[in-house]
Amino acid sequence: MSSGVEHRKAAALLLGAAHVAEQAKDGRFNAEPLATTVGGYLLATVPDVLEPATSPRHRGMLHSYTALAAVGIGSWQLYRWQPGDRIHRLGRWAGLVLLGAYGIHLVMDARTPMGLPVL
């Protein structure tokens, strides 16, 4: 079973690395991946906040393959969007970090014996 600490470490590592890889495409590097790493660490347990493990609905709609598909589609749409102004770029970044952390959490939960329901 994945713990909150494992979710946080995985999200921080994977999202930070993805941000560095994205920067490498343009040949520019700055401290932005550090913010992504911290954001991933802080947001990785959002699914368990929304559906706590102590709740009988813990593996409900928000912990399901349906939710994972929605996160994937939303992430892809945000990734493709190229906003022109700074505030929308910040919103895009925050959305990608949140959805990325959420998706990593669900993928880790899918690999546990309980798995994820198909809803």
N, C-alpha and C. Protein backbone atom coordinates (compact mmCIF):
# COMPACT_ATOMS: atom_id res chain seq x y z
N MET A 1 0.84 -1.19 0.00
CA MET A 1 0.00 0.00 0.00
C MET A 1 0.88 1.24 0.00
N SER A 2 0.54 2.20 -0.81
CA SER A 2 1.30 3.44 -0.90
C SER A 2 0.90 4.37 0.24
N SER A 3 1.91 4.97 0.86
CA SER A 3 1.63 5.92 1.94
C SER A 3 1.68 7.34 1.39
N GLY A 4 1.23 8.27 2.22
CA GLY A 4 1.27 9.67 1.82
C GLY A 4 2.69 10.14 1.52
N VAL A 5 3.65 9.66 2.31
CA VAL A 5 5.05 10.03 2.08
C VAL A 5 5.53 9.51 0.73
N GLU A 6 5.17 8.26 0.40
CA GLU A 6 5.57 7.70 -0.89
C GLU A 6 4.92 8.46 -2.05
N HIS A 7 3.65 8.82 -1.89
CA HIS A 7 2.98 9.61 -2.92
C HIS A 7 3.70 10.94 -3.12
N ARG A 8 4.04 11.59 -2.02
CA ARG A 8 4.69 12.90 -2.10
C ARG A 8 6.07 12.81 -2.76
N LYS A 9 6.85 11.82 -2.35
CA LYS A 9 8.19 11.68 -2.93
C LYS A 9 8.12 11.41 -4.43
N ALA A 10 7.24 10.51 -4.82
CA ALA A 10 7.11 10.16 -6.24
C ALA A 10 6.66 11.36 -7.06
N ALA A 11 5.66 12.08 -6.57
CA ALA A 11 5.16 13.25 -7.32
C ALA A 11 6.23 14.32 -7.42
N ALA A 12 6.93 14.58 -6.34
CA ALA A 12 7.99 15.60 -6.36
C ALA A 12 9.07 15.22 -7.37
N LEU A 13 9.52 13.99 -7.32
CA LEU A 13 10.59 13.54 -8.22
C LEU A 13 10.15 13.55 -9.68
N LEU A 14 9.01 12.95 -9.96
CA LEU A 14 8.56 12.82 -11.35
C LEU A 14 8.19 14.17 -11.96
N LEU A 15 7.48 14.99 -11.22
CA LEU A 15 7.08 16.29 -11.78
C LEU A 15 8.27 17.23 -11.93
N GLY A 16 9.18 17.22 -10.95
CA GLY A 16 10.38 18.04 -11.08
C GLY A 16 11.22 17.62 -12.28
N ALA A 17 11.38 16.30 -12.46
CA ALA A 17 12.15 15.79 -13.60
C ALA A 17 11.47 16.13 -14.92
N ALA A 18 10.14 16.04 -14.96
CA ALA A 18 9.41 16.37 -16.18
C ALA A 18 9.59 17.85 -16.53
N HIS A 19 9.61 18.70 -15.53
CA HIS A 19 9.79 20.13 -15.78
C HIS A 19 11.20 20.41 -16.31
N VAL A 20 12.21 19.75 -15.74
CA VAL A 20 13.58 19.91 -16.24
C VAL A 20 13.66 19.44 -17.68
N ALA A 21 13.04 18.30 -17.99
CA ALA A 21 13.06 17.78 -19.36
C ALA A 21 12.38 18.75 -20.32
N GLU A 22 11.31 19.37 -19.88
CA GLU A 22 10.61 20.35 -20.72
C GLU A 22 11.50 21.56 -20.97
N GLN A 23 12.20 22.01 -19.95
CA GLN A 23 13.12 23.13 -20.14
C GLN A 23 14.26 22.77 -21.08
N ALA A 24 14.72 21.54 -21.03
CA ALA A 24 15.84 21.10 -21.88
C ALA A 24 15.49 21.20 -23.36
N LYS A 25 14.21 21.07 -23.69
CA LYS A 25 13.79 21.19 -25.09
C LYS A 25 14.15 22.56 -25.66
N ASP A 26 14.04 23.58 -24.82
CA ASP A 26 14.32 24.95 -25.24
C ASP A 26 15.75 25.38 -24.91
N GLY A 27 16.49 24.53 -24.21
CA GLY A 27 17.85 24.87 -23.83
C GLY A 27 17.93 25.95 -22.77
N ARG A 28 16.87 26.11 -22.01
CA ARG A 28 16.88 27.13 -20.95
C ARG A 28 16.63 26.44 -19.61
N PHE A 29 17.37 26.87 -18.61
CA PHE A 29 17.22 26.27 -17.29
C PHE A 29 17.14 27.38 -16.26
N ASN A 30 16.19 27.22 -15.32
CA ASN A 30 16.05 28.17 -14.22
C ASN A 30 15.52 27.42 -13.01
N ALA A 31 15.06 28.13 -12.02
CA ALA A 31 14.62 27.51 -10.76
C ALA A 31 13.16 27.05 -10.78
N GLU A 32 12.46 27.21 -11.90
CA GLU A 32 11.04 26.82 -11.94
C GLU A 32 10.80 25.36 -11.56
N PRO A 33 11.66 24.40 -11.97
CA PRO A 33 11.41 23.01 -11.57
C PRO A 33 11.41 22.80 -10.06
N LEU A 34 12.11 23.66 -9.33
CA LEU A 34 12.08 23.56 -7.87
C LEU A 34 10.67 23.84 -7.35
N ALA A 35 10.02 24.85 -7.90
CA ALA A 35 8.63 25.15 -7.51
C ALA A 35 7.71 24.00 -7.89
N THR A 36 7.96 23.39 -9.05
CA THR A 36 7.15 22.25 -9.47
C THR A 36 7.36 21.07 -8.52
N THR A 37 8.59 20.84 -8.11
CA THR A 37 8.90 19.76 -7.17
C THR A 37 8.17 19.97 -5.85
N VAL A 38 8.23 21.18 -5.33
CA VAL A 38 7.55 21.50 -4.07
C VAL A 38 6.04 21.38 -4.24
N GLY A 39 5.52 21.89 -5.34
CA GLY A 39 4.08 21.78 -5.60
C GLY A 39 3.63 20.33 -5.68
N GLY A 40 4.40 19.50 -6.38
CA GLY A 40 4.07 18.08 -6.47
C GLY A 40 4.07 17.42 -5.11
N TYR A 41 5.06 17.76 -4.29
CA TYR A 41 5.15 17.20 -2.95
C TYR A 41 3.92 17.58 -2.12
N LEU A 42 3.53 18.84 -2.20
CA LEU A 42 2.41 19.32 -1.38
C LEU A 42 1.05 18.83 -1.87
N LEU A 43 0.91 18.61 -3.17
CA LEU A 43 -0.41 18.28 -3.74
C LEU A 43 -0.64 16.78 -3.96
N ALA A 44 0.36 15.96 -3.71
CA ALA A 44 0.25 14.54 -4.02
C ALA A 44 -0.79 13.79 -3.19
N THR A 45 -1.20 14.34 -2.08
CA THR A 45 -2.19 13.65 -1.25
C THR A 45 -3.60 14.24 -1.39
N VAL A 46 -3.80 15.10 -2.37
CA VAL A 46 -5.14 15.68 -2.58
C VAL A 46 -6.22 14.61 -2.72
N PRO A 47 -5.99 13.51 -3.46
CA PRO A 47 -7.05 12.50 -3.55
C PRO A 47 -7.45 11.93 -2.18
N ASP A 48 -6.48 11.79 -1.27
CA ASP A 48 -6.80 11.27 0.06
C ASP A 48 -7.45 12.32 0.95
N VAL A 49 -7.28 13.58 0.63
CA VAL A 49 -7.99 14.64 1.35
C VAL A 49 -9.45 14.64 0.90
N LEU A 50 -9.67 14.47 -0.40
CA LEU A 50 -11.03 14.47 -0.94
C LEU A 50 -11.81 13.21 -0.57
N GLU A 51 -11.12 12.07 -0.53
CA GLU A 51 -11.72 10.79 -0.14
C GLU A 51 -10.77 10.11 0.85
N PRO A 52 -10.88 10.46 2.15
CA PRO A 52 -9.95 9.92 3.15
C PRO A 52 -10.00 8.39 3.23
N ALA A 53 -8.87 7.80 3.60
CA ALA A 53 -8.78 6.34 3.72
C ALA A 53 -9.75 5.81 4.77
N THR A 54 -10.13 6.62 5.73
CA THR A 54 -11.06 6.19 6.78
C THR A 54 -12.51 6.21 6.31
N SER A 55 -12.75 6.78 5.15
CA SER A 55 -14.11 6.88 4.62
C SER A 55 -14.49 5.59 3.90
N PRO A 56 -15.75 5.16 4.03
CA PRO A 56 -16.18 3.97 3.29
C PRO A 56 -16.18 4.20 1.77
N ARG A 57 -16.13 5.46 1.35
CA ARG A 57 -16.11 5.78 -0.08
C ARG A 57 -14.69 6.11 -0.56
N HIS A 58 -13.66 5.62 0.18
CA HIS A 58 -12.28 5.96 -0.15
C HIS A 58 -11.93 5.65 -1.61
N ARG A 59 -12.32 4.53 -2.10
CA ARG A 59 -12.03 4.20 -3.50
C ARG A 59 -13.29 4.42 -4.33
N GLY A 60 -13.84 5.62 -4.20
CA GLY A 60 -15.02 6.00 -4.96
C GLY A 60 -14.64 6.69 -6.26
N MET A 61 -15.49 7.57 -6.72
CA MET A 61 -15.32 8.23 -8.01
C MET A 61 -13.98 8.96 -8.14
N LEU A 62 -13.51 9.59 -7.07
CA LEU A 62 -12.27 10.36 -7.15
C LEU A 62 -11.02 9.51 -7.05
N HIS A 63 -11.18 8.22 -6.76
CA HIS A 63 -10.08 7.24 -6.72
C HIS A 63 -10.43 6.13 -7.70
N SER A 64 -10.63 6.44 -8.95
CA SER A 64 -11.08 5.45 -9.93
C SER A 64 -10.35 5.62 -11.25
N TYR A 65 -10.51 4.62 -12.12
CA TYR A 65 -9.95 4.74 -13.47
C TYR A 65 -10.63 5.86 -14.25
N THR A 66 -11.88 6.13 -13.93
CA THR A 66 -12.59 7.24 -14.57
C THR A 66 -11.91 8.56 -14.20
N ALA A 67 -11.59 8.72 -12.92
CA ALA A 67 -10.88 9.93 -12.48
C ALA A 67 -9.51 10.02 -13.14
N LEU A 68 -8.82 8.88 -13.25
CA LEU A 68 -7.50 8.87 -13.88
C LEU A 68 -7.59 9.28 -15.35
N ALA A 69 -8.62 8.81 -16.03
CA ALA A 69 -8.82 9.20 -17.43
C ALA A 69 -9.10 10.70 -17.54
N ALA A 70 -9.94 11.22 -16.65
CA ALA A 70 -10.25 12.66 -16.66
C ALA A 70 -9.00 13.49 -16.38
N VAL A 71 -8.18 13.03 -15.45
CA VAL A 71 -6.92 13.73 -15.15
C VAL A 71 -6.01 13.71 -16.37
N GLY A 72 -5.93 12.58 -17.04
CA GLY A 72 -5.09 12.48 -18.23
C GLY A 72 -5.55 13.40 -19.35
N ILE A 73 -6.84 13.43 -19.60
CA ILE A 73 -7.38 14.30 -20.65
C ILE A 73 -7.18 15.77 -20.28
N GLY A 74 -7.48 16.10 -19.04
CA GLY A 74 -7.29 17.48 -18.59
C GLY A 74 -5.84 17.92 -18.66
N SER A 75 -4.94 17.02 -18.28
CA SER A 75 -3.51 17.33 -18.35
C SER A 75 -3.06 17.57 -19.78
N TRP A 76 -3.51 16.73 -20.68
CA TRP A 76 -3.14 16.87 -22.09
C TRP A 76 -3.66 18.20 -22.65
N GLN A 77 -4.88 18.56 -22.32
CA GLN A 77 -5.44 19.82 -22.80
C GLN A 77 -4.65 21.02 -22.24
N LEU A 78 -4.32 20.97 -20.96
CA LEU A 78 -3.54 22.06 -20.37
C LEU A 78 -2.14 22.13 -20.97
N TYR A 79 -1.53 20.97 -21.21
CA TYR A 79 -0.19 20.94 -21.78
C TYR A 79 -0.17 21.57 -23.17
N ARG A 80 -1.18 21.31 -23.95
CA ARG A 80 -1.25 21.83 -25.32
C ARG A 80 -1.58 23.33 -25.37
N TRP A 81 -2.25 23.83 -24.34
CA TRP A 81 -2.66 25.23 -24.30
C TRP A 81 -1.43 26.12 -24.11
N GLN A 82 -1.30 27.14 -24.90
CA GLN A 82 -0.18 28.09 -24.81
C GLN A 82 -0.73 29.49 -24.51
N PRO A 83 -0.98 29.81 -23.24
CA PRO A 83 -1.54 31.12 -22.91
C PRO A 83 -0.54 32.24 -23.20
N GLY A 84 -1.07 33.39 -23.50
CA GLY A 84 -0.24 34.52 -23.86
C GLY A 84 0.21 35.38 -22.69
N ASP A 85 -0.61 35.48 -21.67
CA ASP A 85 -0.23 36.39 -20.58
C ASP A 85 0.25 35.62 -19.35
N ARG A 86 0.92 36.34 -18.48
CA ARG A 86 1.59 35.74 -17.33
C ARG A 86 0.62 35.03 -16.37
N ILE A 87 -0.51 35.64 -16.07
CA ILE A 87 -1.45 35.05 -15.11
C ILE A 87 -2.00 33.72 -15.62
N HIS A 88 -2.28 33.65 -16.91
CA HIS A 88 -2.77 32.39 -17.47
C HIS A 88 -1.67 31.34 -17.55
N ARG A 89 -0.44 31.75 -17.77
CA ARG A 89 0.69 30.80 -17.74
C ARG A 89 0.85 30.23 -16.34
N LEU A 90 0.68 31.08 -15.33
CA LEU A 90 0.76 30.61 -13.95
C LEU A 90 -0.37 29.63 -13.65
N GLY A 91 -1.58 29.94 -14.10
CA GLY A 91 -2.71 29.02 -13.92
C GLY A 91 -2.49 27.70 -14.63
N ARG A 92 -1.92 27.75 -15.83
CA ARG A 92 -1.60 26.52 -16.58
C ARG A 92 -0.61 25.68 -15.79
N TRP A 93 0.45 26.32 -15.29
CA TRP A 93 1.46 25.61 -14.51
C TRP A 93 0.83 24.96 -13.27
N ALA A 94 0.04 25.73 -12.52
CA ALA A 94 -0.59 25.20 -11.31
C ALA A 94 -1.51 24.03 -11.63
N GLY A 95 -2.27 24.14 -12.71
CA GLY A 95 -3.14 23.05 -13.12
C GLY A 95 -2.37 21.80 -13.49
N LEU A 96 -1.26 21.97 -14.21
CA LEU A 96 -0.44 20.82 -14.59
C LEU A 96 0.18 20.14 -13.37
N VAL A 97 0.63 20.94 -12.41
CA VAL A 97 1.20 20.36 -11.19
C VAL A 97 0.13 19.61 -10.41
N LEU A 98 -1.04 20.22 -10.23
CA LEU A 98 -2.12 19.57 -9.50
C LEU A 98 -2.56 18.28 -10.19
N LEU A 99 -2.83 18.35 -11.48
CA LEU A 99 -3.28 17.15 -12.19
C LEU A 99 -2.18 16.10 -12.26
N GLY A 100 -0.93 16.54 -12.40
CA GLY A 100 0.18 15.58 -12.42
C GLY A 100 0.30 14.85 -11.10
N ALA A 101 0.24 15.58 -9.99
CA ALA A 101 0.33 14.97 -8.67
C ALA A 101 -0.85 14.03 -8.43
N TYR A 102 -2.03 14.45 -8.85
CA TYR A 102 -3.24 13.63 -8.69
C TYR A 102 -3.10 12.34 -9.49
N GLY A 103 -2.65 12.47 -10.73
CA GLY A 103 -2.48 11.29 -11.59
C GLY A 103 -1.45 10.32 -11.05
N ILE A 104 -0.33 10.84 -10.56
CA ILE A 104 0.70 9.97 -9.98
C ILE A 104 0.14 9.23 -8.78
N HIS A 105 -0.62 9.91 -7.95
CA HIS A 105 -1.26 9.27 -6.79
C HIS A 105 -2.15 8.11 -7.24
N LEU A 106 -2.98 8.36 -8.25
CA LEU A 106 -3.90 7.31 -8.71
C LEU A 106 -3.15 6.14 -9.34
N VAL A 107 -2.11 6.40 -10.10
CA VAL A 107 -1.32 5.31 -10.69
C VAL A 107 -0.69 4.47 -9.59
N MET A 108 -0.17 5.11 -8.56
CA MET A 108 0.41 4.36 -7.44
C MET A 108 -0.65 3.53 -6.73
N ASP A 109 -1.84 4.11 -6.53
CA ASP A 109 -2.92 3.36 -5.88
C ASP A 109 -3.39 2.19 -6.75
N ALA A 110 -3.35 2.36 -8.06
CA ALA A 110 -3.78 1.29 -8.97
C ALA A 110 -2.88 0.07 -8.84
N ARG A 111 -1.65 0.27 -8.40
CA ARG A 111 -0.69 -0.83 -8.29
C ARG A 111 -0.76 -1.54 -6.93
N THR A 112 -1.68 -1.14 -6.07
CA THR A 112 -1.84 -1.80 -4.78
C THR A 112 -2.80 -2.98 -4.94
N PRO A 113 -2.83 -3.90 -3.97
CA PRO A 113 -3.75 -5.04 -4.08
C PRO A 113 -5.22 -4.62 -4.22
N MET A 114 -5.61 -3.50 -3.62
CA MET A 114 -6.99 -3.04 -3.72
C MET A 114 -7.28 -2.45 -5.10
N GLY A 115 -6.26 -1.88 -5.74
CA GLY A 115 -6.44 -1.31 -7.07
C GLY A 115 -7.38 -0.12 -7.09
N LEU A 116 -7.85 0.20 -8.29
CA LEU A 116 -8.83 1.27 -8.48
C LEU A 116 -10.09 0.70 -9.09
N PRO A 117 -11.26 1.20 -8.69
CA PRO A 117 -12.49 0.73 -9.32
C PRO A 117 -12.68 1.36 -10.70
N VAL A 118 -13.43 0.67 -11.53
CA VAL A 118 -13.81 1.21 -12.83
C VAL A 118 -15.22 1.77 -12.66
N LEU A 119 -15.35 3.08 -12.61
CA LEU A 119 -16.67 3.71 -12.42
C LEU A 119 -17.02 4.54 -13.61
